[in-house]
Amino acid sequence: MKQDLLKVQFVNKTYPRSAYDMLRLEELYRRESMEHDIEQLHTAQFFILIFITEGQGYHTIDFTDYRYEKGTILTIRKDQIHKFFKNTSAKGYILLFTDGFLVSYLEKIESQKTIRLFNEFLGNPKIKLSKKDNLEIRAIIDRLGGEYFTKMDDYSLGIIRSELHILITKLYRIKSVSNQIVSEKKYLQEFITLQELVEQKAKETTRVSDYAKMIGVSTKTLNNICKSIVNSTAKEFIDDVCTKQIKRLLINTTLSITEIAYESGFEEPTNFYKYFKRQAAMSPDQYRNSF
């Protein structure tokens, strides 16, 4: 029987007052007693950055398996579904931090870069570093590790926060220079506002006119916003977010299909079936049984 999707809260048992944590990937894979199964899909209530230093393998982020190897960075934002695939060859570092650890200490423009780097709608969560970039990023992460694993005194969290800010800014520049992220386009902030609204209210409405009214623009402008940032209509973007939320319920809860239909804002299960099949090219039952 499927269990309800696990939401992992941020807990640092070594340094309880810290909103930052750092783990070696190989040590995580060797742990025998875990509070949750990392090879099962779950959501984290914090940001995760994975840096691979050796080996290769896979990591699932929002229903997609990403292959990684040496020099790969994976970014996972708060509330995204993901899971690990344990293997003996992979080595690297996992950086975990809450939104408050970094964002609340930065100016608005800088904090937006952090949020955008982890936003899957603005860029691929996988970054493949060049040899030069890998050396530069490795040096920063080694400094983070030295501070966290070796020193960790009254000054360490301030230093870690500054180093993490540098790391995220450099990764943002790497993606921006190579056109792997939407960075300074017109309508970017409006799109992020729309995204936040849809993720909060997709269960209540999928009508373009409703979101246009919430933002205070015309439906034509809302379409222009989505075309500019994700090259889709506003309706296509809204449906994409709604479908992703439905998929999470289908594969990670014990709710019946009918219950999921009501939970997703559909008054008639028949309409829910039609909607999901149109979006996912299979019925809700078929999608659930494929996992």
C-alpha atoms as a PDB file:
ATOM      1  CA  MET A   1       0.000   0.000   0.000  1.00  0.00           C
ATOM      2  CA  LYS A   2       1.273   3.453  -0.840  1.00  0.00           C
ATOM      3  CA  GLN A   3       2.164   5.715   2.066  1.00  0.00           C
ATOM      4  CA  ASP A   4       1.380   9.404   2.138  1.00  0.00           C
ATOM      5  CA  LEU A   5       4.216  11.482   0.764  1.00  0.00           C
ATOM      6  CA  LEU A   6       6.821  12.150   3.432  1.00  0.00           C
ATOM      7  CA  LYS A   7       7.669  15.792   4.070  1.00  0.00           C
ATOM      8  CA  VAL A   8      11.150  15.970   5.563  1.00  0.00           C
ATOM      9  CA  GLN A   9      11.691  18.876   7.947  1.00  0.00           C
ATOM     10  CA  PHE A  10      15.051  20.559   8.437  1.00  0.00           C
ATOM     11  CA  VAL A  11      16.773  19.190  11.541  1.00  0.00           C
ATOM     12  CA  ASN A  12      20.469  19.562  12.333  1.00  0.00           C
ATOM     13  CA  LYS A  13      21.150  17.246  15.263  1.00  0.00           C
ATOM     14  CA  THR A  14      24.846  18.141  15.457  1.00  0.00           C
ATOM     15  CA  TYR A  15      24.251  21.893  15.544  1.00  0.00           C
ATOM     16  CA  PRO A  16      20.575  22.358  16.542  1.00  0.00           C
ATOM     17  CA  ARG A  17      20.685  26.145  16.244  1.00  0.00           C
ATOM     18  CA  SER A  18      22.055  26.056  12.708  1.00  0.00           C
ATOM     19  CA  ALA A  19      19.790  26.490   9.668  1.00  0.00           C
ATOM     20  CA  TYR A  20      22.569  24.980   7.518  1.00  0.00           C
ATOM     21  CA  ASP A  21      23.876  21.429   7.264  1.00  0.00           C
ATOM     22  CA  MET A  22      26.439  19.629   5.132  1.00  0.00           C
ATOM     23  CA  LEU A  23      26.830  15.897   4.469  1.00  0.00           C
ATOM     24  CA  ARG A  24      29.183  13.718   2.484  1.00  0.00           C
ATOM     25  CA  LEU A  25      27.158  11.788  -0.092  1.00  0.00           C
ATOM     26  CA  GLU A  26      29.039   8.533   0.469  1.00  0.00           C
ATOM     27  CA  GLU A  27      28.397   8.707   4.219  1.00  0.00           C
ATOM     28  CA  LEU A  28      24.676   9.226   3.626  1.00  0.00           C
ATOM     29  CA  TYR A  29      24.601   6.133   1.426  1.00  0.00           C
ATOM     30  CA  ARG A  30      26.355   4.076   4.130  1.00  0.00           C
ATOM     31  CA  ARG A  31      23.943   4.978   6.904  1.00  0.00           C
ATOM     32  CA  GLU A  32      22.000   1.959   8.111  1.00  0.00           C
ATOM     33  CA  SER A  33      19.546   3.678  10.451  1.00  0.00           C
ATOM     34  CA  MET A  34      17.593   6.483   8.817  1.00  0.00           C
ATOM     35  CA  GLU A  35      14.459   8.256   9.949  1.00  0.00           C
ATOM     36  CA  HIS A  36      13.162   7.992   6.379  1.00  0.00           C
ATOM     37  CA  ASP A  37      13.981   5.979   3.270  1.00  0.00           C
ATOM     38  CA  ILE A  38      15.986   8.261   0.973  1.00  0.00           C
ATOM     39  CA  GLU A  39      15.289   5.911  -1.958  1.00  0.00           C
ATOM     40  CA  GLN A  40      11.568   6.666  -1.702  1.00  0.00           C
ATOM     41  CA  LEU A  41      10.107   9.853  -3.145  1.00  0.00           C
ATOM     42  CA  HIS A  42       9.828  12.603  -0.554  1.00  0.00           C
ATOM     43  CA  THR A  43       9.799  16.387  -0.296  1.00  0.00           C
ATOM     44  CA  ALA A  44      12.234  18.456   1.704  1.00  0.00           C
ATOM     45  CA  GLN A  45      11.135  21.624   3.466  1.00  0.00           C
ATOM     46  CA  PHE A  46      14.470  23.252   2.629  1.00  0.00           C
ATOM     47  CA  PHE A  47      16.909  23.824  -0.238  1.00  0.00           C
ATOM     48  CA  ILE A  48      19.353  21.098  -1.324  1.00  0.00           C
ATOM     49  CA  LEU A  49      22.469  21.415  -3.460  1.00  0.00           C
ATOM     50  CA  ILE A  50      24.330  18.234  -4.443  1.00  0.00           C
ATOM     51  CA  PHE A  51      27.902  18.406  -5.784  1.00  0.00           C
ATOM     52  CA  ILE A  52      29.378  15.220  -7.286  1.00  0.00           C
ATOM     53  CA  THR A  53      33.155  14.785  -6.939  1.00  0.00           C
ATOM     54  CA  GLU A  54      33.528  11.164  -8.079  1.00  0.00           C
ATOM     55  CA  GLY A  55      31.539   8.378  -9.718  1.00  0.00           C
ATOM     56  CA  GLN A  56      28.207   8.482 -11.452  1.00  0.00           C
ATOM     57  CA  GLY A  57      24.597   7.657 -10.793  1.00  0.00           C
ATOM     58  CA  TYR A  58      21.050   9.001 -10.853  1.00  0.00           C
ATOM     59  CA  HIS A  59      18.857  11.264  -8.790  1.00  0.00           C
ATOM     60  CA  THR A  60      15.127  11.802  -9.314  1.00  0.00           C
ATOM     61  CA  ILE A  61      13.726  15.338  -9.185  1.00  0.00           C
ATOM     62  CA  ASP A  62      10.027  15.870  -9.916  1.00  0.00           C
ATOM     63  CA  PHE A  63       9.461  12.629 -11.880  1.00  0.00           C
ATOM     64  CA  THR A  64      12.654  12.971 -13.976  1.00  0.00           C
ATOM     65  CA  ASP A  65      15.782  10.840 -13.451  1.00  0.00           C
ATOM     66  CA  TYR A  66      18.913  12.971 -13.835  1.00  0.00           C
ATOM     67  CA  ARG A  67      22.178  11.199 -14.563  1.00  0.00           C
ATOM     68  CA  TYR A  68      25.160  12.680 -12.741  1.00  0.00           C
ATOM     69  CA  GLU A  69      28.931  12.284 -12.854  1.00  0.00           C
ATOM     70  CA  LYS A  70      32.003  14.118 -11.602  1.00  0.00           C
ATOM     71  CA  GLY A  71      31.471  17.856 -11.867  1.00  0.00           C
ATOM     72  CA  THR A  72      27.663  17.712 -11.731  1.00  0.00           C
ATOM     73  CA  ILE A  73      25.586  20.045  -9.575  1.00  0.00           C
ATOM     74  CA  LEU A  74      21.946  19.254  -8.766  1.00  0.00           C
ATOM     75  CA  THR A  75      19.670  21.899  -7.267  1.00  0.00           C
ATOM     76  CA  ILE A  76      16.448  20.984  -5.461  1.00  0.00           C
ATOM     77  CA  ARG A  77      14.156  23.681  -4.174  1.00  0.00           C
ATOM     78  CA  LYS A  78      11.944  23.548  -1.144  1.00  0.00           C
ATOM     79  CA  ASP A  79       8.876  21.291  -1.619  1.00  0.00           C
ATOM     80  CA  GLN A  80      10.138  19.553  -4.778  1.00  0.00           C
ATOM     81  CA  ILE A  81       9.744  15.786  -4.902  1.00  0.00           C
ATOM     82  CA  HIS A  82      13.019  13.881  -5.141  1.00  0.00           C
ATOM     83  CA  LYS A  83      14.760  10.632  -4.212  1.00  0.00           C
ATOM     84  CA  PHE A  84      18.270   9.178  -4.111  1.00  0.00           C
ATOM     85  CA  PHE A  85      19.586   6.031  -5.796  1.00  0.00           C
ATOM     86  CA  LYS A  86      22.220   4.506  -3.547  1.00  0.00           C
ATOM     87  CA  ASN A  87      25.431   3.357  -5.194  1.00  0.00           C
ATOM     88  CA  THR A  88      28.993   2.681  -4.057  1.00  0.00           C
ATOM     89  CA  SER A  89      30.828   4.683  -6.721  1.00  0.00           C
ATOM     90  CA  ALA A  90      29.393   8.145  -6.113  1.00  0.00           C
ATOM     91  CA  LYS A  91      31.086  10.655  -3.834  1.00  0.00           C
ATOM     92  CA  GLY A  92      30.302  14.274  -3.195  1.00  0.00           C
ATOM     93  CA  TYR A  93      28.720  16.787  -0.868  1.00  0.00           C
ATOM     94  CA  ILE A  94      25.146  17.656   0.017  1.00  0.00           C
ATOM     95  CA  LEU A  95      24.445  21.195   1.188  1.00  0.00           C
ATOM     96  CA  LEU A  96      21.148  21.770   2.979  1.00  0.00           C
ATOM     97  CA  PHE A  97      19.800  25.106   4.171  1.00  0.00           C
ATOM     98  CA  THR A  98      16.519  26.801   4.968  1.00  0.00           C
ATOM     99  CA  ASP A  99      15.243  29.807   3.062  1.00  0.00           C
ATOM    100  CA  GLY A 100      15.848  31.927   6.148  1.00  0.00           C
ATOM    101  CA  PHE A 101      19.531  30.976   6.443  1.00  0.00           C
ATOM    102  CA  LEU A 102      20.590  32.834   3.326  1.00  0.00           C
ATOM    103  CA  VAL A 103      17.738  34.812   1.816  1.00  0.00           C
ATOM    104  CA  SER A 104      16.870  36.854   4.911  1.00  0.00           C
ATOM    105  CA  TYR A 105      20.437  38.178   5.074  1.00  0.00           C
ATOM    106  CA  LEU A 106      20.638  39.308   1.451  1.00  0.00           C
ATOM    107  CA  GLU A 107      19.418  42.341  -0.407  1.00  0.00           C
ATOM    108  CA  LYS A 108      16.330  41.766  -2.571  1.00  0.00           C
ATOM    109  CA  ILE A 109      18.240  41.455  -5.876  1.00  0.00           C
ATOM    110  CA  GLU A 110      20.698  38.956  -4.425  1.00  0.00           C
ATOM    111  CA  SER A 111      18.014  36.870  -2.728  1.00  0.00           C
ATOM    112  CA  GLN A 112      16.128  36.636  -6.021  1.00  0.00           C
ATOM    113  CA  LYS A 113      19.188  35.024  -7.624  1.00  0.00           C
ATOM    114  CA  THR A 114      19.124  32.331  -4.974  1.00  0.00           C
ATOM    115  CA  ILE A 115      15.440  31.617  -5.558  1.00  0.00           C
ATOM    116  CA  ARG A 116      15.857  31.652  -9.351  1.00  0.00           C
ATOM    117  CA  LEU A 117      18.812  29.242  -9.301  1.00  0.00           C
ATOM    118  CA  PHE A 118      16.617  26.637  -7.610  1.00  0.00           C
ATOM    119  CA  ASN A 119      13.523  27.337  -9.734  1.00  0.00           C
ATOM    120  CA  GLU A 120      12.997  24.444 -12.182  1.00  0.00           C
ATOM    121  CA  PHE A 121      10.785  26.574 -14.430  1.00  0.00           C
ATOM    122  CA  LEU A 122      13.654  29.007 -15.062  1.00  0.00           C
ATOM    123  CA  GLY A 123      16.387  26.469 -15.713  1.00  0.00           C
ATOM    124  CA  ASN A 124      17.398  22.814 -15.575  1.00  0.00           C
ATOM    125  CA  PRO A 125      18.137  21.572 -12.023  1.00  0.00           C
ATOM    126  CA  LYS A 126      21.251  19.838 -13.389  1.00  0.00           C
ATOM    127  CA  ILE A 127      24.443  21.799 -14.041  1.00  0.00           C
ATOM    128  CA  LYS A 128      27.401  20.119 -15.766  1.00  0.00           C
ATOM    129  CA  LEU A 129      30.498  22.101 -14.872  1.00  0.00           C
ATOM    130  CA  SER A 130      33.461  22.600 -17.194  1.00  0.00           C
ATOM    131  CA  LYS A 131      36.869  21.555 -15.854  1.00  0.00           C
ATOM    132  CA  LYS A 132      37.713  25.161 -15.008  1.00  0.00           C
ATOM    133  CA  ASP A 133      34.385  25.828 -13.316  1.00  0.00           C
ATOM    134  CA  ASN A 134      34.587  22.516 -11.463  1.00  0.00           C
ATOM    135  CA  LEU A 135      37.932  23.485  -9.913  1.00  0.00           C
ATOM    136  CA  GLU A 136      36.560  26.865  -8.846  1.00  0.00           C
ATOM    137  CA  ILE A 137      33.346  25.440  -7.382  1.00  0.00           C
ATOM    138  CA  ARG A 138      35.258  22.599  -5.672  1.00  0.00           C
ATOM    139  CA  ALA A 139      37.494  25.149  -3.956  1.00  0.00           C
ATOM    140  CA  ILE A 140      34.471  26.957  -2.497  1.00  0.00           C
ATOM    141  CA  ILE A 141      32.845  23.723  -1.333  1.00  0.00           C
ATOM    142  CA  ASP A 142      36.138  22.566   0.215  1.00  0.00           C
ATOM    143  CA  ARG A 143      36.239  25.818   2.190  1.00  0.00           C
ATOM    144  CA  LEU A 144      32.644  25.251   3.275  1.00  0.00           C
ATOM    145  CA  GLY A 145      33.539  21.714   4.347  1.00  0.00           C
ATOM    146  CA  GLY A 146      36.641  22.833   6.207  1.00  0.00           C
ATOM    147  CA  GLU A 147      34.658  25.426   8.122  1.00  0.00           C
ATOM    148  CA  TYR A 148      31.757  23.100   8.866  1.00  0.00           C
ATOM    149  CA  PHE A 149      33.521  19.808   9.573  1.00  0.00           C
ATOM    150  CA  THR A 150      36.704  21.086  11.212  1.00  0.00           C
ATOM    151  CA  LYS A 151      36.333  24.539  12.781  1.00  0.00           C
ATOM    152  CA  MET A 152      32.692  25.335  13.531  1.00  0.00           C
ATOM    153  CA  ASP A 153      33.183  28.048  16.136  1.00  0.00           C
ATOM    154  CA  ASP A 154      31.262  31.255  16.881  1.00  0.00           C
ATOM    155  CA  TYR A 155      32.345  32.739  13.540  1.00  0.00           C
ATOM    156  CA  SER A 156      31.679  29.742  11.311  1.00  0.00           C
ATOM    157  CA  LEU A 157      28.031  30.255  10.370  1.00  0.00           C
ATOM    158  CA  GLY A 158      28.745  33.807   9.234  1.00  0.00           C
ATOM    159  CA  ILE A 159      31.633  32.570   7.095  1.00  0.00           C
ATOM    160  CA  ILE A 160      29.537  29.679   5.741  1.00  0.00           C
ATOM    161  CA  ARG A 161      26.709  32.058   4.857  1.00  0.00           C
ATOM    162  CA  SER A 162      29.120  34.277   2.910  1.00  0.00           C
ATOM    163  CA  GLU A 163      30.751  31.313   1.121  1.00  0.00           C
ATOM    164  CA  LEU A 164      27.331  29.875   0.241  1.00  0.00           C
ATOM    165  CA  HIS A 165      26.290  33.236  -1.190  1.00  0.00           C
ATOM    166  CA  ILE A 166      29.443  33.248  -3.340  1.00  0.00           C
ATOM    167  CA  LEU A 167      28.778  29.664  -4.456  1.00  0.00           C
ATOM    168  CA  ILE A 168      25.196  30.375  -5.502  1.00  0.00           C
ATOM    169  CA  THR A 169      26.187  33.605  -7.278  1.00  0.00           C
ATOM    170  CA  LYS A 170      28.916  31.805  -9.243  1.00  0.00           C
ATOM    171  CA  LEU A 171      26.556  28.988 -10.222  1.00  0.00           C
ATOM    172  CA  TYR A 172      23.983  31.566 -11.276  1.00  0.00           C
ATOM    173  CA  ARG A 173      26.625  33.254 -13.448  1.00  0.00           C
ATOM    174  CA  ILE A 174      27.665  29.930 -14.988  1.00  0.00           C
ATOM    175  CA  LYS A 175      24.064  29.157 -15.967  1.00  0.00           C
ATOM    176  CA  SER A 176      23.393  32.707 -17.117  1.00  0.00           C
ATOM    177  CA  VAL A 177      26.483  32.971 -19.336  1.00  0.00           C
ATOM    178  CA  SER A 178      25.667  29.634 -20.987  1.00  0.00           C
ATOM    179  CA  ASN A 179      21.970  30.557 -21.356  1.00  0.00           C
ATOM    180  CA  GLN A 180      20.904  27.724 -19.057  1.00  0.00           C
ATOM    181  CA  ILE A 181      18.711  29.979 -16.943  1.00  0.00           C
ATOM    182  CA  VAL A 182      16.225  32.778 -17.516  1.00  0.00           C
ATOM    183  CA  SER A 183      17.973  35.675 -15.814  1.00  0.00           C
ATOM    184  CA  GLU A 184      17.185  39.237 -16.869  1.00  0.00           C
ATOM    185  CA  LYS A 185      14.231  38.936 -19.226  1.00  0.00           C
ATOM    186  CA  LYS A 186      11.269  41.297 -19.304  1.00  0.00           C
ATOM    187  CA  TYR A 187       8.360  39.976 -17.237  1.00  0.00           C
ATOM    188  CA  LEU A 188      10.596  37.742 -15.087  1.00  0.00           C
ATOM    189  CA  GLN A 189       9.326  39.048 -11.766  1.00  0.00           C
ATOM    190  CA  GLU A 190       5.734  38.952 -12.997  1.00  0.00           C
ATOM    191  CA  PHE A 191       6.200  35.317 -13.999  1.00  0.00           C
ATOM    192  CA  ILE A 192       7.578  34.403 -10.574  1.00  0.00           C
ATOM    193  CA  THR A 193       4.568  36.101  -8.979  1.00  0.00           C
ATOM    194  CA  LEU A 194       2.271  34.080 -11.259  1.00  0.00           C
ATOM    195  CA  GLN A 195       4.096  30.866 -10.445  1.00  0.00           C
ATOM    196  CA  GLU A 196       3.721  31.425  -6.710  1.00  0.00           C
ATOM    197  CA  LEU A 197       0.006  32.149  -7.115  1.00  0.00           C
ATOM    198  CA  VAL A 198      -0.643  29.078  -9.272  1.00  0.00           C
ATOM    199  CA  GLU A 199       1.223  26.783  -6.890  1.00  0.00           C
ATOM    200  CA  GLN A 200      -0.894  28.107  -4.034  1.00  0.00           C
ATOM    201  CA  LYS A 201      -4.261  28.259  -5.797  1.00  0.00           C
ATOM    202  CA  ALA A 202      -4.262  25.623  -8.559  1.00  0.00           C
ATOM    203  CA  LYS A 203      -6.771  23.597  -6.529  1.00  0.00           C
ATOM    204  CA  GLU A 204      -9.133  26.557  -6.536  1.00  0.00           C
ATOM    205  CA  THR A 205      -8.897  27.653 -10.175  1.00  0.00           C
ATOM    206  CA  THR A 206      -7.094  27.010 -13.431  1.00  0.00           C
ATOM    207  CA  ARG A 207      -8.712  29.911 -15.258  1.00  0.00           C
ATOM    208  CA  VAL A 208      -6.331  32.360 -16.876  1.00  0.00           C
ATOM    209  CA  SER A 209      -8.723  35.250 -16.246  1.00  0.00           C
ATOM    210  CA  ASP A 210      -8.641  34.600 -12.483  1.00  0.00           C
ATOM    211  CA  TYR A 211      -4.849  34.835 -12.311  1.00  0.00           C
ATOM    212  CA  ALA A 212      -4.792  37.878 -14.571  1.00  0.00           C
ATOM    213  CA  LYS A 213      -7.151  39.584 -12.151  1.00  0.00           C
ATOM    214  CA  MET A 214      -5.042  38.584  -9.130  1.00  0.00           C
ATOM    215  CA  ILE A 215      -1.925  40.078 -10.695  1.00  0.00           C
ATOM    216  CA  GLY A 216      -3.736  43.078 -12.143  1.00  0.00           C
ATOM    217  CA  VAL A 217      -3.028  42.529 -15.835  1.00  0.00           C
ATOM    218  CA  SER A 218      -5.012  41.511 -18.904  1.00  0.00           C
ATOM    219  CA  THR A 219      -5.169  37.902 -20.082  1.00  0.00           C
ATOM    220  CA  LYS A 220      -3.204  38.984 -23.156  1.00  0.00           C
ATOM    221  CA  THR A 221      -0.407  40.315 -20.956  1.00  0.00           C
ATOM    222  CA  LEU A 222      -0.447  37.127 -18.884  1.00  0.00           C
ATOM    223  CA  ASN A 223       0.031  35.120 -22.066  1.00  0.00           C
ATOM    224  CA  ASN A 224       2.904  37.410 -23.059  1.00  0.00           C
ATOM    225  CA  ILE A 225       4.495  36.860 -19.651  1.00  0.00           C
ATOM    226  CA  CYS A 226       4.414  33.066 -20.026  1.00  0.00           C
ATOM    227  CA  LYS A 227       5.500  33.170 -23.682  1.00  0.00           C
ATOM    228  CA  SER A 228       8.484  35.323 -22.740  1.00  0.00           C
ATOM    229  CA  ILE A 229       9.719  33.152 -19.860  1.00  0.00           C
ATOM    230  CA  VAL A 230       8.676  29.533 -20.527  1.00  0.00           C
ATOM    231  CA  ASN A 231       7.517  29.717 -24.153  1.00  0.00           C
ATOM    232  CA  SER A 232       3.993  28.530 -23.408  1.00  0.00           C
ATOM    233  CA  THR A 233       0.573  30.088 -23.052  1.00  0.00           C
ATOM    234  CA  ALA A 234      -0.669  31.018 -19.585  1.00  0.00           C
ATOM    235  CA  LYS A 235      -3.184  28.171 -19.742  1.00  0.00           C
ATOM    236  CA  GLU A 236      -0.482  25.646 -20.645  1.00  0.00           C
ATOM    237  CA  PHE A 237       1.677  26.824 -17.748  1.00  0.00           C
ATOM    238  CA  ILE A 238      -1.196  26.713 -15.250  1.00  0.00           C
ATOM    239  CA  ASP A 239      -2.150  23.224 -16.420  1.00  0.00           C
ATOM    240  CA  ASP A 240       1.473  22.103 -16.116  1.00  0.00           C
ATOM    241  CA  VAL A 241       1.616  23.140 -12.458  1.00  0.00           C
ATOM    242  CA  CYS A 242      -1.819  21.653 -11.724  1.00  0.00           C
ATOM    243  CA  THR A 243      -0.921  18.337 -13.391  1.00  0.00           C
ATOM    244  CA  LYS A 244       2.330  18.113 -11.466  1.00  0.00           C
ATOM    245  CA  GLN A 245       0.449  18.542  -8.195  1.00  0.00           C
ATOM    246  CA  ILE A 246      -2.017  15.826  -9.198  1.00  0.00           C
ATOM    247  CA  LYS A 247       0.844  13.459 -10.056  1.00  0.00           C
ATOM    248  CA  ARG A 248       2.301  13.962  -6.599  1.00  0.00           C
ATOM    249  CA  LEU A 249      -0.999  12.963  -5.037  1.00  0.00           C
ATOM    250  CA  LEU A 250      -1.401   9.945  -7.325  1.00  0.00           C
ATOM    251  CA  ILE A 251       1.941   8.335  -6.664  1.00  0.00           C
ATOM    252  CA  ASN A 252       2.529   9.324  -3.075  1.00  0.00           C
ATOM    253  CA  THR A 253      -0.769   9.169  -1.183  1.00  0.00           C
ATOM    254  CA  THR A 254      -3.336   6.554  -0.277  1.00  0.00           C
ATOM    255  CA  LEU A 255      -6.188   8.787  -1.463  1.00  0.00           C
ATOM    256  CA  SER A 256      -8.586   7.212  -3.943  1.00  0.00           C
ATOM    257  CA  ILE A 257      -8.811   8.660  -7.450  1.00  0.00           C
ATOM    258  CA  THR A 258     -12.152  10.219  -6.559  1.00  0.00           C
ATOM    259  CA  GLU A 259     -10.691  11.785  -3.423  1.00  0.00           C
ATOM    260  CA  ILE A 260      -7.796  13.178  -5.441  1.00  0.00           C
ATOM    261  CA  ALA A 261     -10.267  14.640  -7.917  1.00  0.00           C
ATOM    262  CA  TYR A 262     -12.033  16.548  -5.140  1.00  0.00           C
ATOM    263  CA  GLU A 263      -8.722  17.460  -3.480  1.00  0.00           C
ATOM    264  CA  SER A 264      -7.566  18.929  -6.797  1.00  0.00           C
ATOM    265  CA  GLY A 265     -10.618  21.141  -7.098  1.00  0.00           C
ATOM    266  CA  PHE A 266     -12.775  19.092  -9.492  1.00  0.00           C
ATOM    267  CA  GLU A 267     -16.471  18.848  -8.654  1.00  0.00           C
ATOM    268  CA  GLU A 268     -16.953  15.840 -10.948  1.00  0.00           C
ATOM    269  CA  PRO A 269     -14.485  12.894 -11.046  1.00  0.00           C
ATOM    270  CA  THR A 270     -15.402  12.374 -14.716  1.00  0.00           C
ATOM    271  CA  ASN A 271     -14.041  15.811 -15.574  1.00  0.00           C
ATOM    272  CA  PHE A 272     -10.942  15.049 -13.541  1.00  0.00           C
ATOM    273  CA  TYR A 273     -10.302  11.870 -15.549  1.00  0.00           C
ATOM    274  CA  LYS A 274     -10.702  13.745 -18.835  1.00  0.00           C
ATOM    275  CA  TYR A 275      -8.467  16.604 -17.701  1.00  0.00           C
ATOM    276  CA  PHE A 276      -5.629  14.387 -16.470  1.00  0.00           C
ATOM    277  CA  LYS A 277      -5.713  12.099 -19.497  1.00  0.00           C
ATOM    278  CA  ARG A 278      -5.532  15.125 -21.779  1.00  0.00           C
ATOM    279  CA  GLN A 279      -2.509  16.462 -19.891  1.00  0.00           C
ATOM    280  CA  ALA A 280      -0.623  13.231 -19.151  1.00  0.00           C
ATOM    281  CA  ALA A 281      -1.683  11.058 -22.110  1.00  0.00           C
ATOM    282  CA  MET A 282      -2.847   8.325 -19.712  1.00  0.00           C
ATOM    283  CA  SER A 283      -5.578   7.869 -17.139  1.00  0.00           C
ATOM    284  CA  PRO A 284      -4.984   8.598 -13.441  1.00  0.00           C
ATOM    285  CA  ASP A 285      -5.145   4.855 -12.705  1.00  0.00           C
ATOM    286  CA  GLN A 286      -2.568   4.066 -15.390  1.00  0.00           C
ATOM    287  CA  TYR A 287      -0.239   6.764 -14.094  1.00  0.00           C
ATOM    288  CA  ARG A 288      -0.519   5.554 -10.491  1.00  0.00           C
ATOM    289  CA  ASN A 289       0.103   1.932 -11.523  1.00  0.00           C
ATOM    290  CA  SER A 290       3.203   2.884 -13.505  1.00  0.00           C
ATOM    291  CA  PHE A 291       5.120   3.483 -10.251  1.00  0.00           C
END
